Amino acid sequence: MKFFIRSFLLIQFLFSFSIVKGQSSLIDSLFHTDSIRHLVKVLASDSLQGRYPGTTESLNAADFIADEFEKAGLSSVAGYDGFFQEVRIGWFNVIGAIKGKSKPGQLIIFSAHYDHIGSISTNPYPGFGGQAKAEKGDTIYNGANDDASGVSAVISLAKYFKALNNNERTLLFVAFTGEELGLLGSKYFADDCEPDSIIAVINIDMIGRGRFSNPHPFVTGYEKSDLIDILNQNYRSVPGKNSEKDFFKIDKNTNEFLFNRSDNFSFAVKGVPAHTIMVTPSNDEYYHNLNDETETLDFNLMKKVIRAIAIGTTGLITGKDTPSRIKRAD
């Protein structure tokens, strides 16, 4: 009997290891710095004129994201116009889905905002932003880090989870409009959902630049739920590369009120465990700056962060982990 139990446990271990190894191989094959750079380069190009909401260029950005969702094999959500949810005339959230196998009514949302502040003529916050010296004649706030970096992560994760094909819960991948003008796209989306059906929101914002030699992503509002513990526990579960105890760090930039300033907040006020994963704080010299361009990003860092999010959310995807709820703002 002891031999049988030891043999059974060994088989279980080898089976689990083969799954983990397969997962790591898939991650390495899908999360290329070249593909991440391509996504950012398109979204942060001068041709999209800073993706100000309601403009033709913003619609072009939305079309590009929808095309990427379609190429990834995502499904549209019933009741919407394909991958588009109209927030107001000319303003669209872009939404793709992977239906859950055994728990389709439970939602995990991966999100980022694709809008930015446009050009000098449309910037709603003149005089507020990073102090990097702009190139002479530059008038476009390209928003490579804010938040083409986050959108590239959402698209990359969509491709990964579709290929992995083991999600018991339904996964939604959302690119929000209107974040820069008051979280307008995410508020509209959140008001259209049943909050109790949303298990967690993983919002991704400004992951392309770190301030230190070994930067780590931090989780805004980390103390409001146990999501950060779940992310770190899952990350540590993969042997070999993931020896760091806490890869996802607490937010030490509390004086910047980042938890309230990104699209996670639209869900958090409804009690949803909704947090933003960031690397760059808003006192970055390129924040809301004309020099927030593709060339300023660290794509090896971005690959590392996206990989960590993919691994860290494993238990959320399979239905093993359920984070604690956030106290509602009633």
Protein backbone atom coordinates (compact mmCIF):
# COMPACT_ATOMS: atom_id res chain seq x y z
CA MET A 1 0.00 0.00 0.00
CA LYS A 2 2.83 2.45 0.87
CA PHE A 3 4.48 1.69 -2.47
CA PHE A 4 1.18 2.33 -4.26
CA ILE A 5 0.71 5.68 -2.48
CA ARG A 6 4.29 6.76 -3.21
CA SER A 7 3.89 5.74 -6.85
CA PHE A 8 0.57 7.58 -7.10
CA LEU A 9 2.07 10.74 -5.61
CA LEU A 10 5.05 10.51 -7.96
CA ILE A 11 2.70 10.20 -10.94
CA GLN A 12 0.71 13.20 -9.69
CA PHE A 13 3.92 15.23 -9.32
CA LEU A 14 5.16 14.29 -12.78
CA PHE A 15 1.76 15.10 -14.31
CA SER A 16 1.65 18.49 -12.55
CA PHE A 17 5.25 19.21 -13.57
CA SER A 18 4.44 18.40 -17.21
CA ILE A 19 1.52 20.85 -17.11
CA VAL A 20 3.70 23.56 -15.58
CA LYS A 21 6.46 22.86 -18.11
CA GLY A 22 3.94 23.06 -20.94
CA GLN A 23 2.57 26.30 -19.52
CA SER A 24 6.06 27.81 -19.33
CA SER A 25 6.81 26.75 -22.91
CA LEU A 26 3.60 28.38 -24.10
CA ILE A 27 4.46 31.57 -22.24
CA ASP A 28 7.92 31.69 -23.79
CA SER A 29 6.50 31.10 -27.27
CA LEU A 30 3.79 33.78 -27.05
CA PHE A 31 5.38 36.56 -25.02
CA HIS A 32 8.05 37.79 -27.43
CA THR A 33 9.51 41.25 -26.96
CA ASP A 34 9.13 41.78 -30.71
CA SER A 35 5.37 41.10 -30.65
CA ILE A 36 4.89 43.28 -27.56
CA ARG A 37 6.90 46.07 -29.19
CA HIS A 38 4.81 45.81 -32.37
CA LEU A 39 1.56 46.27 -30.43
CA VAL A 40 2.88 49.29 -28.56
CA LYS A 41 4.42 50.79 -31.69
CA VAL A 42 1.10 50.72 -33.54
CA LEU A 43 -0.93 52.13 -30.64
CA ALA A 44 1.64 54.81 -29.81
CA SER A 45 2.31 55.84 -33.41
CA ASP A 46 2.03 59.46 -34.49
CA SER A 47 -0.67 58.38 -36.94
CA LEU A 48 -3.05 57.74 -34.01
CA GLN A 49 -2.49 61.27 -32.69
CA GLY A 50 -2.53 60.36 -29.00
CA ARG A 51 -5.83 58.38 -29.14
CA TYR A 52 -8.04 61.14 -27.74
CA PRO A 53 -11.58 59.76 -27.13
CA GLY A 54 -14.13 60.37 -29.84
CA THR A 55 -11.61 61.10 -32.60
CA THR A 56 -11.14 59.19 -35.84
CA GLU A 57 -7.71 58.15 -34.58
CA SER A 58 -9.24 56.71 -31.40
CA LEU A 59 -11.65 54.68 -33.53
CA ASN A 60 -8.70 53.42 -35.58
CA ALA A 61 -7.02 52.30 -32.36
CA ALA A 62 -10.21 50.50 -31.30
CA ASP A 63 -10.37 48.75 -34.68
CA PHE A 64 -6.77 47.60 -34.31
CA ILE A 65 -7.46 46.13 -30.85
CA ALA A 66 -10.62 44.39 -32.09
CA ASP A 67 -8.62 42.87 -34.97
CA GLU A 68 -6.08 41.55 -32.48
CA PHE A 69 -8.86 40.04 -30.34
CA GLU A 70 -10.32 38.37 -33.41
CA LYS A 71 -6.93 36.99 -34.47
CA ALA A 72 -6.48 35.63 -30.94
CA GLY A 73 -9.71 33.66 -31.33
CA LEU A 74 -11.78 35.59 -28.79
CA SER A 75 -15.56 35.64 -28.96
CA SER A 76 -17.73 38.73 -28.93
CA VAL A 77 -20.17 39.29 -26.06
CA ALA A 78 -23.92 39.03 -26.69
CA GLY A 79 -25.67 42.37 -26.82
CA TYR A 80 -22.69 44.31 -28.13
CA ASP A 81 -21.81 45.33 -31.68
CA GLY A 82 -19.19 42.67 -32.30
CA PHE A 83 -16.25 43.50 -30.06
CA PHE A 84 -17.53 47.04 -29.43
CA GLN A 85 -19.57 48.51 -26.58
CA GLU A 86 -20.70 52.04 -27.41
CA VAL A 87 -20.18 54.32 -24.42
CA ARG A 88 -21.37 57.45 -26.21
CA ILE A 89 -21.39 58.50 -29.86
CA GLY A 90 -17.92 57.78 -31.24
CA TRP A 91 -16.63 56.32 -27.97
CA PHE A 92 -16.17 52.55 -27.69
CA ASN A 93 -14.90 50.00 -25.22
CA VAL A 94 -13.38 46.97 -26.96
CA ILE A 95 -14.34 43.62 -25.38
CA GLY A 96 -13.45 40.01 -26.17
CA ALA A 97 -14.27 36.83 -24.26
CA ILE A 98 -13.26 33.22 -23.65
CA LYS A 99 -16.21 31.32 -22.22
CA GLY A 100 -15.59 29.36 -19.02
CA LYS A 101 -15.88 25.59 -19.14
CA SER A 102 -17.55 24.77 -15.82
CA LYS A 103 -18.17 28.23 -14.29
CA PRO A 104 -19.21 30.42 -17.21
CA GLY A 105 -21.17 32.79 -14.97
CA GLN A 106 -18.06 33.75 -13.00
CA LEU A 107 -15.96 36.46 -14.67
CA ILE A 108 -12.28 37.33 -14.54
CA ILE A 109 -11.56 40.64 -16.28
CA PHE A 110 -8.21 41.71 -17.70
CA SER A 111 -8.29 45.37 -18.67
CA ALA A 112 -6.34 48.45 -19.70
CA HIS A 113 -7.29 51.81 -21.19
CA TYR A 114 -6.43 52.58 -24.79
CA ASP A 115 -7.24 56.29 -24.77
CA HIS A 116 -4.71 59.01 -24.07
CA ILE A 117 -4.72 62.81 -24.04
CA GLY A 118 -4.21 63.44 -27.75
CA SER A 119 -2.08 66.40 -28.77
CA ILE A 120 -1.22 69.81 -27.39
CA SER A 121 -4.51 71.12 -28.78
CA THR A 122 -6.62 68.52 -26.91
CA ASN A 123 -4.61 67.94 -23.71
CA PRO A 124 -7.09 68.44 -20.83
CA TYR A 125 -4.27 68.79 -18.28
CA PRO A 126 -1.88 71.45 -19.64
CA GLY A 127 1.07 71.99 -17.36
CA PHE A 128 0.46 68.73 -15.46
CA GLY A 129 2.83 65.89 -16.21
CA GLY A 130 6.42 64.75 -16.43
CA GLN A 131 9.25 67.14 -17.06
CA ALA A 132 11.20 65.31 -19.78
CA LYS A 133 12.30 67.78 -22.46
CA ALA A 134 10.28 67.31 -25.63
CA GLU A 135 11.74 67.16 -29.10
CA LYS A 136 11.33 70.44 -30.97
CA GLY A 137 8.10 70.48 -32.96
CA ASP A 138 6.58 67.44 -31.20
CA THR A 139 2.89 68.00 -30.45
CA ILE A 140 1.59 64.44 -29.86
CA TYR A 141 1.15 62.73 -26.50
CA ASN A 142 1.78 59.22 -27.82
CA GLY A 143 1.07 57.43 -24.54
CA ALA A 144 3.36 54.46 -25.12
CA ASN A 145 3.58 53.64 -21.45
CA ASP A 146 0.21 55.24 -20.63
CA ASP A 147 -1.33 52.93 -21.59
CA ALA A 148 -0.34 51.24 -24.84
CA SER A 149 1.85 49.10 -22.59
CA GLY A 150 -1.18 47.85 -20.66
CA VAL A 151 -3.22 47.20 -23.80
CA SER A 152 -0.36 45.20 -25.28
CA ALA A 153 -0.38 43.10 -22.10
CA VAL A 154 -4.13 42.48 -22.35
CA ILE A 155 -3.82 41.39 -26.00
CA SER A 156 -0.85 39.14 -25.17
CA LEU A 157 -2.72 37.55 -22.26
CA ALA A 158 -5.76 36.98 -24.48
CA LYS A 159 -3.62 35.03 -26.94
CA TYR A 160 -2.01 33.06 -24.12
CA PHE A 161 -5.20 32.04 -22.28
CA LYS A 162 -6.97 31.17 -25.53
CA ALA A 163 -4.08 28.86 -26.45
CA LEU A 164 -3.86 27.43 -22.91
CA ASN A 165 -7.57 26.53 -23.03
CA ASN A 166 -7.99 25.59 -19.37
CA ASN A 167 -10.17 28.39 -18.04
CA GLU A 168 -13.07 27.17 -15.91
CA ARG A 169 -14.26 30.76 -15.43
CA THR A 170 -15.17 33.12 -18.25
CA LEU A 171 -12.39 35.54 -19.16
CA LEU A 172 -13.10 39.03 -20.46
CA PHE A 173 -10.43 41.16 -22.09
CA VAL A 174 -11.35 44.83 -22.16
CA ALA A 175 -9.71 47.95 -23.58
CA PHE A 176 -11.47 50.94 -22.06
CA THR A 177 -12.00 54.37 -23.56
CA GLY A 178 -12.27 57.60 -21.57
CA GLU A 179 -10.00 56.70 -18.64
CA GLU A 180 -8.08 59.95 -18.95
CA LEU A 181 -11.30 61.96 -18.76
CA GLY A 182 -12.64 60.39 -15.58
CA LEU A 183 -12.78 56.58 -15.97
CA LEU A 184 -15.81 57.05 -18.25
CA GLY A 185 -15.52 53.82 -20.25
CA SER A 186 -15.02 51.57 -17.24
CA LYS A 187 -17.84 53.25 -15.31
CA TYR A 188 -20.19 52.60 -18.21
CA PHE A 189 -19.08 48.97 -18.45
CA ALA A 190 -19.27 48.38 -14.67
CA ASP A 191 -22.79 49.80 -14.51
CA ASP A 192 -23.82 47.31 -17.20
CA CYS A 193 -22.57 44.30 -15.20
CA GLU A 194 -23.76 42.35 -12.18
CA PRO A 195 -20.94 42.99 -9.66
CA ASP A 196 -21.41 39.66 -7.88
CA SER A 197 -20.61 37.82 -11.12
CA ILE A 198 -17.14 39.43 -11.31
CA ILE A 199 -14.60 37.45 -9.31
CA ALA A 200 -11.67 39.80 -9.95
CA VAL A 201 -10.49 42.62 -12.18
CA ILE A 202 -6.81 42.69 -13.17
CA ASN A 203 -6.27 46.16 -14.57
CA ILE A 204 -2.88 46.89 -16.15
CA ASP A 205 -1.50 50.40 -16.43
CA MET A 206 1.98 51.78 -17.20
CA ILE A 207 4.18 48.67 -17.05
CA GLY A 208 6.84 49.81 -19.53
CA ARG A 209 9.27 51.77 -17.39
CA GLY A 210 10.79 51.08 -13.99
CA ARG A 211 12.47 53.55 -11.69
CA PHE A 212 15.07 51.19 -10.28
CA SER A 213 17.60 48.66 -11.58
CA ASN A 214 15.38 45.70 -10.62
CA PRO A 215 11.82 47.06 -10.84
CA HIS A 216 8.83 44.98 -9.78
CA PRO A 217 5.15 45.47 -10.48
CA PHE A 218 3.12 46.85 -7.60
CA VAL A 219 -0.58 46.37 -6.84
CA THR A 220 -2.68 49.43 -6.06
CA GLY A 221 -5.06 49.17 -3.11
CA TYR A 222 -3.32 45.93 -2.15
CA GLU A 223 -4.67 46.05 1.42
CA LYS A 224 -8.32 46.08 0.33
CA SER A 225 -8.41 42.39 -0.69
CA ASP A 226 -6.08 39.37 -0.67
CA LEU A 227 -5.52 39.42 -4.43
CA ILE A 228 -1.82 40.28 -4.08
CA ASP A 229 -1.31 37.17 -1.91
CA ILE A 230 -3.01 35.00 -4.55
CA LEU A 231 -0.82 36.45 -7.31
CA ASN A 232 2.37 35.81 -5.35
CA GLN A 233 1.36 32.30 -4.25
CA ASN A 234 0.62 31.25 -7.81
CA TYR A 235 3.81 32.86 -9.09
CA ARG A 236 5.90 30.94 -6.55
CA SER A 237 4.23 27.65 -7.51
CA VAL A 238 6.24 27.41 -10.74
CA PRO A 239 9.63 25.84 -9.98
CA GLY A 240 12.94 27.22 -11.14
CA LYS A 241 12.69 30.83 -12.23
CA ASN A 242 10.19 32.01 -9.63
CA SER A 243 12.25 31.93 -6.43
CA GLU A 244 11.36 35.46 -5.31
CA LYS A 245 9.00 35.38 -2.36
CA ASP A 246 6.92 38.39 -3.38
CA PHE A 247 7.27 39.30 -7.04
CA PHE A 248 4.19 41.54 -6.87
CA LYS A 249 4.93 44.35 -4.44
CA ILE A 250 2.71 46.60 -2.34
CA ASP A 251 2.03 50.12 -3.60
CA LYS A 252 4.30 52.51 -1.75
CA ASN A 253 3.05 55.50 -3.74
CA THR A 254 -0.04 55.95 -1.57
CA ASN A 255 0.22 59.75 -1.69
CA GLU A 256 -0.53 59.53 -5.43
CA PHE A 257 -3.93 57.81 -4.83
CA LEU A 258 -3.35 55.47 -7.77
CA PHE A 259 -6.02 53.00 -6.66
CA ASN A 260 -8.69 55.65 -7.27
CA ARG A 261 -7.22 56.92 -10.55
CA SER A 262 -7.40 53.94 -12.88
CA ASP A 263 -10.22 51.80 -14.25
CA ASN A 264 -10.12 49.25 -11.42
CA PHE A 265 -11.85 51.84 -9.23
CA SER A 266 -15.08 51.70 -11.26
CA PHE A 267 -15.45 48.08 -10.10
CA ALA A 268 -13.95 48.41 -6.62
CA VAL A 269 -16.67 50.82 -5.52
CA LYS A 270 -19.14 48.01 -6.25
CA GLY A 271 -17.27 45.57 -4.00
CA VAL A 272 -15.31 43.76 -6.72
CA PRO A 273 -11.68 42.79 -5.93
CA ALA A 274 -10.34 45.13 -8.60
CA HIS A 275 -6.76 46.35 -8.56
CA THR A 276 -4.28 47.84 -10.99
CA ILE A 277 -0.88 46.30 -11.64
CA MET A 278 1.70 48.99 -12.39
CA VAL A 279 5.45 49.44 -12.63
CA THR A 280 5.68 53.18 -13.27
CA PRO A 281 4.33 55.69 -10.73
CA SER A 282 2.75 58.89 -11.99
CA ASN A 283 5.71 61.03 -10.92
CA ASP A 284 7.64 59.48 -13.82
CA GLU A 285 9.30 62.14 -15.97
CA TYR A 286 7.46 60.89 -19.08
CA TYR A 287 3.96 60.75 -17.55
CA HIS A 288 1.55 62.87 -19.65
CA ASN A 289 4.62 64.03 -21.50
CA LEU A 290 5.25 64.43 -25.22
CA ASN A 291 8.19 62.03 -24.88
CA ASP A 292 6.13 59.02 -23.72
CA GLU A 293 7.17 57.16 -26.86
CA THR A 294 7.87 53.54 -27.80
CA GLU A 295 11.64 54.05 -27.66
CA THR A 296 11.51 54.87 -23.93
CA LEU A 297 10.06 51.49 -22.90
CA ASP A 298 11.85 48.44 -21.52
CA PHE A 299 10.35 45.50 -23.43
CA ASN A 300 12.27 42.87 -21.49
CA LEU A 301 10.71 44.28 -18.34
CA MET A 302 7.27 44.21 -19.95
CA LYS A 303 7.71 40.59 -21.01
CA LYS A 304 8.70 39.68 -17.44
CA VAL A 305 5.67 41.45 -15.97
CA ILE A 306 3.19 39.97 -18.47
CA ARG A 307 4.62 36.51 -17.83
CA ALA A 308 4.21 37.04 -14.08
CA ILE A 309 0.59 38.12 -14.50
CA ALA A 310 -0.14 35.03 -16.61
CA ILE A 311 1.30 32.75 -13.93
CA GLY A 312 0.00 34.76 -10.97
CA THR A 313 -3.61 34.54 -12.15
CA THR A 314 -3.55 30.77 -12.75
CA GLY A 315 -5.74 29.96 -9.74
CA LEU A 316 -8.24 32.65 -10.70
CA ILE A 317 -8.56 31.18 -14.18
CA THR A 318 -9.00 27.57 -13.09
CA GLY A 319 -11.44 28.47 -10.32
CA LYS A 320 -9.15 27.40 -7.47
CA ASP A 321 -8.72 30.91 -6.04
CA THR A 322 -11.38 33.45 -5.13
CA PRO A 323 -10.15 36.75 -3.67
CA SER A 324 -11.92 38.45 -0.80
CA ARG A 325 -14.41 41.18 -1.68
CA ILE A 326 -13.71 44.85 -1.25
CA LYS A 327 -15.93 46.84 1.07
CA ARG A 328 -18.52 48.61 -1.06
CA ALA A 329 -18.54 52.40 -1.20
CA ASP A 330 -22.25 52.71 -0.29
